[in-house]
C-alpha atoms as a PDB file:
ATOM      1  CA  MET A   1    -108.166 -21.197  56.809  1.00  0.00           C
ATOM      2  CA  SER A   2    -110.737 -18.731  55.481  1.00  0.00           C
ATOM      3  CA  GLY A   3    -113.899 -19.947  53.818  1.00  0.00           C
ATOM      4  CA  THR A   4    -112.840 -18.376  50.535  1.00  0.00           C
ATOM      5  CA  LEU A   5    -109.467 -20.106  50.589  1.00  0.00           C
ATOM      6  CA  SER A   6    -111.068 -23.418  51.505  1.00  0.00           C
ATOM      7  CA  GLN A   7    -113.527 -23.006  48.639  1.00  0.00           C
ATOM      8  CA  ALA A   8    -110.642 -22.247  46.256  1.00  0.00           C
ATOM      9  CA  GLU A   9    -108.823 -25.412  47.330  1.00  0.00           C
ATOM     10  CA  ASP A  10    -111.979 -27.517  46.981  1.00  0.00           C
ATOM     11  CA  LEU A  11    -112.579 -26.178  43.472  1.00  0.00           C
ATOM     12  CA  PHE A  12    -108.971 -26.923  42.478  1.00  0.00           C
ATOM     13  CA  ILE A  13    -109.199 -30.450  43.877  1.00  0.00           C
ATOM     14  CA  GLU A  14    -112.407 -31.090  41.935  1.00  0.00           C
ATOM     15  CA  LEU A  15    -110.920 -29.586  38.773  1.00  0.00           C
ATOM     16  CA  VAL A  16    -107.869 -31.841  38.905  1.00  0.00           C
ATOM     17  CA  GLY A  17    -110.043 -34.878  39.676  1.00  0.00           C
ATOM     18  CA  SER A  18    -112.274 -34.081  36.696  1.00  0.00           C
ATOM     19  CA  ALA A  19    -109.278 -33.579  34.409  1.00  0.00           C
ATOM     20  CA  MET A  20    -107.779 -36.905  35.486  1.00  0.00           C
ATOM     21  CA  GLU A  21    -111.095 -38.634  34.871  1.00  0.00           C
ATOM     22  CA  PHE A  22    -111.309 -37.035  31.418  1.00  0.00           C
ATOM     23  CA  TRP A  23    -107.892 -38.526  30.569  1.00  0.00           C
ATOM     24  CA  GLY A  24    -109.064 -41.988  31.599  1.00  0.00           C
ATOM     25  CA  PHE A  25    -107.745 -42.134  35.148  1.00  0.00           C
ATOM     26  CA  LYS A  26    -109.780 -42.504  38.300  1.00  0.00           C
ATOM     27  CA  ARG A  27    -111.011 -39.183  39.659  1.00  0.00           C
ATOM     28  CA  ILE A  28    -109.674 -40.019  43.122  1.00  0.00           C
ATOM     29  CA  LEU A  29    -106.112 -40.001  41.749  1.00  0.00           C
ATOM     30  CA  GLY A  30    -106.499 -36.372  40.751  1.00  0.00           C
ATOM     31  CA  ASN A  31    -108.138 -35.492  44.058  1.00  0.00           C
ATOM     32  CA  VAL A  32    -105.348 -37.134  46.077  1.00  0.00           C
ATOM     33  CA  TRP A  33    -102.579 -35.537  44.029  1.00  0.00           C
ATOM     34  CA  ALA A  34    -104.258 -32.115  44.193  1.00  0.00           C
ATOM     35  CA  VAL A  35    -104.577 -32.206  47.995  1.00  0.00           C
ATOM     36  CA  LEU A  36    -100.916 -33.161  48.305  1.00  0.00           C
ATOM     37  CA  TYR A  37     -99.861 -30.557  45.731  1.00  0.00           C
ATOM     38  CA  LEU A  38    -101.573 -27.809  47.722  1.00  0.00           C
ATOM     39  CA  SER A  39    -100.090 -29.025  50.997  1.00  0.00           C
ATOM     40  CA  GLU A  40     -97.153 -26.953  52.254  1.00  0.00           C
ATOM     41  CA  GLU A  41     -95.793 -30.047  53.977  1.00  0.00           C
ATOM     42  CA  GLY A  42     -96.426 -33.680  53.262  1.00  0.00           C
ATOM     43  CA  LEU A  43     -99.536 -35.304  54.671  1.00  0.00           C
ATOM     44  CA  THR A  44     -99.948 -38.650  56.375  1.00  0.00           C
ATOM     45  CA  ALA A  45    -102.296 -41.134  54.749  1.00  0.00           C
ATOM     46  CA  THR A  46    -104.676 -40.606  57.671  1.00  0.00           C
ATOM     47  CA  ALA A  47    -104.742 -36.816  57.217  1.00  0.00           C
ATOM     48  CA  LEU A  48    -105.206 -37.233  53.473  1.00  0.00           C
ATOM     49  CA  GLY A  49    -108.117 -39.622  54.003  1.00  0.00           C
ATOM     50  CA  GLU A  50    -109.719 -37.215  56.457  1.00  0.00           C
ATOM     51  CA  ARG A  51    -109.298 -34.263  54.085  1.00  0.00           C
ATOM     52  CA  LEU A  52    -110.983 -36.144  51.225  1.00  0.00           C
ATOM     53  CA  ASN A  53    -113.364 -38.130  53.436  1.00  0.00           C
ATOM     54  CA  ILE A  54    -112.162 -41.445  51.997  1.00  0.00           C
ATOM     55  CA  SER A  55    -111.087 -44.699  53.618  1.00  0.00           C
ATOM     56  CA  LYS A  56    -107.514 -45.651  54.434  1.00  0.00           C
ATOM     57  CA  ALA A  57    -107.786 -48.438  51.848  1.00  0.00           C
ATOM     58  CA  ALA A  58    -108.858 -45.928  49.173  1.00  0.00           C
ATOM     59  CA  VAL A  59    -105.935 -43.676  50.091  1.00  0.00           C
ATOM     60  CA  SER A  60    -103.529 -46.600  49.948  1.00  0.00           C
ATOM     61  CA  THR A  61    -104.767 -47.768  46.533  1.00  0.00           C
ATOM     62  CA  ALA A  62    -104.676 -44.258  45.061  1.00  0.00           C
ATOM     63  CA  VAL A  63    -101.227 -43.495  46.469  1.00  0.00           C
ATOM     64  CA  ALA A  64     -99.816 -46.773  45.143  1.00  0.00           C
ATOM     65  CA  GLU A  65    -101.018 -45.928  41.633  1.00  0.00           C
ATOM     66  CA  LEU A  66     -99.766 -42.350  41.866  1.00  0.00           C
ATOM     67  CA  GLU A  67     -96.372 -43.630  43.045  1.00  0.00           C
ATOM     68  CA  ARG A  68     -96.229 -45.935  40.024  1.00  0.00           C
ATOM     69  CA  TRP A  69     -96.744 -42.918  37.740  1.00  0.00           C
ATOM     70  CA  GLY A  70     -94.149 -40.886  39.641  1.00  0.00           C
ATOM     71  CA  CYS A  71     -96.739 -38.378  40.875  1.00  0.00           C
ATOM     72  CA  VAL A  72     -96.355 -39.012  44.618  1.00  0.00           C
ATOM     73  CA  ARG A  73     -93.515 -40.135  46.858  1.00  0.00           C
ATOM     74  CA  ARG A  74     -93.247 -41.132  50.500  1.00  0.00           C
ATOM     75  CA  GLU A  75     -90.862 -39.483  52.945  1.00  0.00           C
ATOM     76  CA  ARG A  76     -90.086 -39.958  56.584  1.00  0.00           C
ATOM     77  CA  SER A  77     -88.623 -37.122  58.599  1.00  0.00           C
ATOM     78  CA  PRO A  78     -85.734 -38.042  60.903  1.00  0.00           C
ATOM     79  CA  GLY A  79     -87.111 -39.034  64.278  1.00  0.00           C
ATOM     80  CA  GLU A  80     -90.686 -39.279  62.990  1.00  0.00           C
ATOM     81  CA  ARG A  81     -92.612 -42.553  62.883  1.00  0.00           C
ATOM     82  CA  ALA A  82     -95.240 -41.646  60.321  1.00  0.00           C
ATOM     83  CA  GLU A  83     -94.531 -41.421  56.626  1.00  0.00           C
ATOM     84  CA  VAL A  84     -95.763 -38.379  54.813  1.00  0.00           C
ATOM     85  CA  LEU A  85     -96.892 -38.242  51.216  1.00  0.00           C
ATOM     86  CA  ILE A  86     -95.462 -35.596  48.907  1.00  0.00           C
ATOM     87  CA  ALA A  87     -96.844 -34.622  45.485  1.00  0.00           C
ATOM     88  CA  GLU A  88     -94.514 -34.295  42.514  1.00  0.00           C
ATOM     89  CA  GLN A  89     -94.107 -30.547  41.968  1.00  0.00           C
ATOM     90  CA  ASP A  90     -92.732 -30.702  38.416  1.00  0.00           C
ATOM     91  CA  ILE A  91     -95.918 -30.821  36.355  1.00  0.00           C
ATOM     92  CA  TRP A  92     -94.045 -31.271  33.064  1.00  0.00           C
ATOM     93  CA  ARG A  93     -92.147 -34.285  34.409  1.00  0.00           C
ATOM     94  CA  MET A  94     -95.425 -35.885  35.477  1.00  0.00           C
ATOM     95  CA  VAL A  95     -97.316 -35.177  32.280  1.00  0.00           C
ATOM     96  CA  SER A  96     -94.454 -36.168  29.998  1.00  0.00           C
ATOM     97  CA  ARG A  97     -94.039 -39.488  31.798  1.00  0.00           C
ATOM     98  CA  VAL A  98     -97.723 -40.286  31.362  1.00  0.00           C
ATOM     99  CA  PHE A  99     -97.649 -39.222  27.698  1.00  0.00           C
ATOM    100  CA  ARG A 100     -94.511 -41.273  27.065  1.00  0.00           C
ATOM    101  CA  GLU A 101     -95.880 -44.398  28.725  1.00  0.00           C
ATOM    102  CA  ARG A 102     -99.493 -44.145  27.567  1.00  0.00           C
ATOM    103  CA  GLU A 103    -100.180 -41.938  24.568  1.00  0.00           C
ATOM    104  CA  LEU A 104     -96.872 -42.455  22.765  1.00  0.00           C
ATOM    105  CA  ARG A 105     -97.057 -46.225  23.175  1.00  0.00           C
ATOM    106  CA  MET A 106    -100.616 -46.220  21.837  1.00  0.00           C
ATOM    107  CA  ILE A 107     -99.567 -44.213  18.767  1.00  0.00           C
ATOM    108  CA  GLU A 108     -96.582 -46.539  18.219  1.00  0.00           C
ATOM    109  CA  ARG A 109     -98.886 -49.582  18.321  1.00  0.00           C
ATOM    110  CA  SER A 110    -101.231 -47.836  15.893  1.00  0.00           C
ATOM    111  CA  VAL A 111     -98.391 -47.168  13.438  1.00  0.00           C
ATOM    112  CA  GLU A 112     -97.329 -50.829  13.636  1.00  0.00           C
ATOM    113  CA  THR A 113    -100.889 -51.967  12.934  1.00  0.00           C
ATOM    114  CA  LEU A 114    -101.333 -49.462  10.104  1.00  0.00           C
ATOM    115  CA  ASP A 115     -98.087 -50.709   8.516  1.00  0.00           C
ATOM    116  CA  LYS A 116     -99.425 -54.261   8.679  1.00  0.00           C
ATOM    117  CA  VAL A 117    -102.784 -53.200   7.239  1.00  0.00           C
ATOM    118  CA  LEU A 118    -101.006 -51.405   4.390  1.00  0.00           C
ATOM    119  CA  ARG A 119     -98.874 -54.468   3.597  1.00  0.00           C
ATOM    120  CA  LEU A 120    -101.998 -56.601   3.442  1.00  0.00           C
ATOM    121  CA  ALA A 121    -103.907 -54.116   1.270  1.00  0.00           C
ATOM    122  CA  ARG A 122    -100.962 -53.708  -1.110  1.00  0.00           C
ATOM    123  CA  GLY A 123    -101.019 -57.470  -1.681  1.00  0.00           C
ATOM    124  CA  ASP A 124    -104.323 -57.121  -3.533  1.00  0.00           C
ATOM    125  CA  SER A 125    -104.459 -55.585  -7.021  1.00  0.00           C
ATOM    126  CA  THR A 126    -108.156 -54.720  -7.208  1.00  0.00           C
ATOM    127  CA  ALA A 127    -109.436 -51.185  -7.686  1.00  0.00           C
ATOM    128  CA  HIS A 128    -110.907 -51.266  -4.183  1.00  0.00           C
ATOM    129  CA  ALA A 129    -107.525 -52.267  -2.738  1.00  0.00           C
ATOM    130  CA  ARG A 130    -105.841 -49.331  -4.496  1.00  0.00           C
ATOM    131  CA  PHE A 131    -108.521 -47.027  -3.050  1.00  0.00           C
ATOM    132  CA  LEU A 132    -107.925 -48.480   0.433  1.00  0.00           C
ATOM    133  CA  VAL A 133    -104.160 -48.086   0.123  1.00  0.00           C
ATOM    134  CA  LYS A 134    -104.521 -44.364  -0.675  1.00  0.00           C
ATOM    135  CA  ARG A 135    -106.768 -43.825   2.342  1.00  0.00           C
ATOM    136  CA  LEU A 136    -104.585 -45.931   4.613  1.00  0.00           C
ATOM    137  CA  GLU A 137    -101.443 -44.113   3.503  1.00  0.00           C
ATOM    138  CA  LYS A 138    -103.011 -40.819   4.666  1.00  0.00           C
ATOM    139  CA  MET A 139    -103.857 -42.301   8.055  1.00  0.00           C
ATOM    140  CA  THR A 140    -100.392 -43.825   8.367  1.00  0.00           C
ATOM    141  CA  THR A 141     -98.769 -40.489   7.501  1.00  0.00           C
ATOM    142  CA  LEU A 142    -100.903 -38.746  10.124  1.00  0.00           C
ATOM    143  CA  ALA A 143    -100.092 -41.385  12.765  1.00  0.00           C
ATOM    144  CA  ARG A 144     -96.352 -41.170  12.029  1.00  0.00           C
ATOM    145  CA  LEU A 145     -96.485 -37.385  12.215  1.00  0.00           C
ATOM    146  CA  ALA A 146     -98.361 -37.555  15.524  1.00  0.00           C
ATOM    147  CA  MET A 147     -95.763 -39.993  16.863  1.00  0.00           C
ATOM    148  CA  LYS A 148     -92.860 -37.820  15.725  1.00  0.00           C
ATOM    149  CA  THR A 149     -94.491 -34.649  17.085  1.00  0.00           C
ATOM    150  CA  LEU A 150     -95.178 -36.205  20.466  1.00  0.00           C
ATOM    151  CA  GLN A 151     -91.628 -37.611  20.629  1.00  0.00           C
ATOM    152  CA  LEU A 152     -90.195 -34.155  19.849  1.00  0.00           C
ATOM    153  CA  LEU A 153     -92.457 -32.515  22.388  1.00  0.00           C
ATOM    154  CA  LEU A 154     -91.455 -35.003  25.074  1.00  0.00           C
ATOM    155  CA  ASP A 155     -87.743 -34.905  24.211  1.00  0.00           C
ATOM    156  CA  ARG A 156     -87.383 -31.152  23.772  1.00  0.00           C
ATOM    157  CA  GLY A 157     -90.339 -29.691  25.604  1.00  0.00           C
ATOM    158  CA  LYS A 158     -91.564 -28.073  22.377  1.00  0.00           C
ATOM    159  CA  ALA A 159     -92.584 -29.124  18.880  1.00  0.00           C
ATOM    160  CA  ASP A 160     -92.991 -27.452  15.495  1.00  0.00           C
ATOM    161  CA  LEU A 161     -96.404 -28.385  14.090  1.00  0.00           C
ATOM    162  CA  THR A 162     -96.013 -26.476  10.822  1.00  0.00           C
ATOM    163  CA  GLY A 163     -96.052 -29.584   8.627  1.00  0.00           C
ATOM    164  CA  LEU A 164     -99.110 -31.129  10.236  1.00  0.00           C
ATOM    165  CA  ARG A 165    -101.731 -29.513   8.029  1.00  0.00           C
ATOM    166  CA  GLN A 166     -99.797 -30.089   4.789  1.00  0.00           C
ATOM    167  CA  SER A 167     -99.138 -33.766   5.499  1.00  0.00           C
ATOM    168  CA  THR A 168    -102.773 -34.577   6.154  1.00  0.00           C
ATOM    169  CA  ASP A 169    -104.172 -32.582   3.197  1.00  0.00           C
ATOM    170  CA  GLU A 170    -102.165 -34.370   0.514  1.00  0.00           C
END
């Protein structure tokens, strides 16, 4: 492989690792997935470890987590002893699964908590409680809109955000 191509791959691998770290995952998960994604054929755990200069244990841990998220799968060619690791090629499938299991669940928990907070605040008749209720209603509206938007995006692959600005300005 040419030096330029190798440099391009290294930059991509670092980019994906950085992006994964930004989203709260371990950088190594992005690095492992990126190497496999750029591989024309699957790689053995040994080859993957050598490419990233990481231990077999680190490869195993990263692959197990990536398998759990549906980002990597193992395959064995007929007549071959060694398993190879294959990266998920459908980026949308990967991202939507993570968003559904992480971000959407977090927003749903937030809406549940905001509903509880609103019920508690509405039980008080003081001027401060009325002030709190108005503020909390805005946050609850925003959280519900975020939840609905993310659900639409995940279900349909697109979402209309037209109402977002109006709902939060009221």
